[in-house]
Amino acid sequence: MNCIMCKSQLSKNRVNHIVDYCGRIVIIRNVPANVCGQCGEYYVDNDTAMRLEEITGELINNKAEILVLNYSELVA
């Protein structure tokens, strides 16, 4: 699989996914992704993307402005 941005090769790795959601910053660490070695762009599979949306949506009632979560602990 190749990067959409620069056409370089992707490799499996883990990333920190950062979301600005409803005025809050959510950082989800250790998310499995295909990462471009050249430009750093990353892509998650559909199941991971759906889980990230669920995690982010569950945090809407949290009053913290910045949240840091570990993906591995949330999906275990």
C-alpha atoms as a PDB file:
ATOM      1  CA  MET A   1       0.000   0.000   0.000  1.00  0.00           C
ATOM      2  CA  ASN A   2       1.269   3.493  -0.827  1.00  0.00           C
ATOM      3  CA  CYS A   3       0.735   6.934   0.711  1.00  0.00           C
ATOM      4  CA  ILE A   4      -1.948   9.021  -0.968  1.00  0.00           C
ATOM      5  CA  MET A   5       0.050  12.215  -0.347  1.00  0.00           C
ATOM      6  CA  CYS A   6       3.544  11.319  -1.578  1.00  0.00           C
ATOM      7  CA  LYS A   7       3.176   7.779  -3.014  1.00  0.00           C
ATOM      8  CA  SER A   8       5.862   6.382  -0.672  1.00  0.00           C
ATOM      9  CA  GLN A   9       5.590   2.953   0.950  1.00  0.00           C
ATOM     10  CA  LEU A  10       3.558   2.522   4.155  1.00  0.00           C
ATOM     11  CA  SER A  11       4.511   0.349   7.102  1.00  0.00           C
ATOM     12  CA  LYS A  12       2.597  -0.859  10.159  1.00  0.00           C
ATOM     13  CA  ASN A  13       3.324   1.174  13.263  1.00  0.00           C
ATOM     14  CA  ARG A  14       1.590   2.991  16.115  1.00  0.00           C
ATOM     15  CA  VAL A  15       0.726   6.699  16.186  1.00  0.00           C
ATOM     16  CA  ASN A  16      -0.687   9.361  18.474  1.00  0.00           C
ATOM     17  CA  HIS A  17      -4.087  10.366  17.067  1.00  0.00           C
ATOM     18  CA  ILE A  18      -5.036  13.950  17.974  1.00  0.00           C
ATOM     19  CA  VAL A  19      -8.606  15.255  17.707  1.00  0.00           C
ATOM     20  CA  ASP A  20      -9.984  18.756  18.337  1.00  0.00           C
ATOM     21  CA  TYR A  21     -13.533  17.788  19.348  1.00  0.00           C
ATOM     22  CA  CYS A  22     -16.159  20.224  20.666  1.00  0.00           C
ATOM     23  CA  GLY A  23     -13.526  22.586  22.059  1.00  0.00           C
ATOM     24  CA  ARG A  24     -11.532  19.785  23.673  1.00  0.00           C
ATOM     25  CA  ILE A  25      -8.245  18.262  22.625  1.00  0.00           C
ATOM     26  CA  VAL A  26      -8.217  14.457  22.722  1.00  0.00           C
ATOM     27  CA  ILE A  27      -4.936  12.590  22.303  1.00  0.00           C
ATOM     28  CA  ILE A  28      -5.221   8.852  21.812  1.00  0.00           C
ATOM     29  CA  ARG A  29      -1.820   7.189  22.047  1.00  0.00           C
ATOM     30  CA  ASN A  30      -0.599   3.918  20.511  1.00  0.00           C
ATOM     31  CA  VAL A  31      -3.183   3.699  17.719  1.00  0.00           C
ATOM     32  CA  PRO A  32      -2.290   0.997  15.151  1.00  0.00           C
ATOM     33  CA  ALA A  33      -1.877   2.534  11.693  1.00  0.00           C
ATOM     34  CA  ASN A  34      -0.133   2.314   8.336  1.00  0.00           C
ATOM     35  CA  VAL A  35       2.456   5.101   8.438  1.00  0.00           C
ATOM     36  CA  CYS A  36       4.347   6.730   5.575  1.00  0.00           C
ATOM     37  CA  GLY A  37       8.088   6.673   6.167  1.00  0.00           C
ATOM     38  CA  GLN A  38       8.601   9.745   3.993  1.00  0.00           C
ATOM     39  CA  CYS A  39       5.933  12.315   4.919  1.00  0.00           C
ATOM     40  CA  GLY A  40       4.552  10.843   8.176  1.00  0.00           C
ATOM     41  CA  GLU A  41       0.933  10.680   6.981  1.00  0.00           C
ATOM     42  CA  TYR A  42      -0.942   7.779   8.587  1.00  0.00           C
ATOM     43  CA  TYR A  43      -3.996   5.720   7.785  1.00  0.00           C
ATOM     44  CA  VAL A  44      -6.116   3.581  10.113  1.00  0.00           C
ATOM     45  CA  ASP A  45      -8.327   0.687   9.038  1.00  0.00           C
ATOM     46  CA  ASN A  46     -12.125   0.958   9.184  1.00  0.00           C
ATOM     47  CA  ASP A  47     -12.493  -0.913  12.486  1.00  0.00           C
ATOM     48  CA  THR A  48      -9.917   1.312  14.185  1.00  0.00           C
ATOM     49  CA  ALA A  49     -11.537   4.462  12.741  1.00  0.00           C
ATOM     50  CA  MET A  50     -14.944   3.401  14.071  1.00  0.00           C
ATOM     51  CA  ARG A  51     -13.470   2.676  17.505  1.00  0.00           C
ATOM     52  CA  LEU A  52     -11.731   6.086  17.544  1.00  0.00           C
ATOM     53  CA  GLU A  53     -15.069   7.761  16.793  1.00  0.00           C
ATOM     54  CA  GLU A  54     -16.744   5.812  19.606  1.00  0.00           C
ATOM     55  CA  ILE A  55     -14.003   6.735  22.073  1.00  0.00           C
ATOM     56  CA  THR A  56     -14.178  10.415  21.110  1.00  0.00           C
ATOM     57  CA  GLY A  57     -17.986  10.461  21.257  1.00  0.00           C
ATOM     58  CA  GLU A  58     -17.992   8.948  24.750  1.00  0.00           C
ATOM     59  CA  LEU A  59     -15.902  11.874  26.001  1.00  0.00           C
ATOM     60  CA  ILE A  60     -18.436  14.598  25.115  1.00  0.00           C
ATOM     61  CA  ASN A  61     -19.647  14.830  28.744  1.00  0.00           C
ATOM     62  CA  ASN A  62     -16.141  15.021  30.186  1.00  0.00           C
ATOM     63  CA  LYS A  63     -15.314  18.529  31.378  1.00  0.00           C
ATOM     64  CA  ALA A  64     -11.546  18.266  30.844  1.00  0.00           C
ATOM     65  CA  GLU A  65     -10.110  20.444  28.081  1.00  0.00           C
ATOM     66  CA  ILE A  66      -7.256  18.070  27.266  1.00  0.00           C
ATOM     67  CA  LEU A  67      -7.521  14.288  27.527  1.00  0.00           C
ATOM     68  CA  VAL A  68      -4.762  11.762  26.896  1.00  0.00           C
ATOM     69  CA  LEU A  69      -5.850   8.132  26.488  1.00  0.00           C
ATOM     70  CA  ASN A  70      -4.062   4.911  25.595  1.00  0.00           C
ATOM     71  CA  TYR A  71      -5.765   3.048  22.730  1.00  0.00           C
ATOM     72  CA  SER A  72      -4.296  -0.303  23.776  1.00  0.00           C
ATOM     73  CA  GLU A  73      -5.924  -0.052  27.208  1.00  0.00           C
ATOM     74  CA  LEU A  74      -9.283   1.063  25.818  1.00  0.00           C
ATOM     75  CA  VAL A  75      -9.743  -1.808  23.355  1.00  0.00           C
ATOM     76  CA  ALA A  76      -8.293  -4.590  25.512  1.00  0.00           C
END
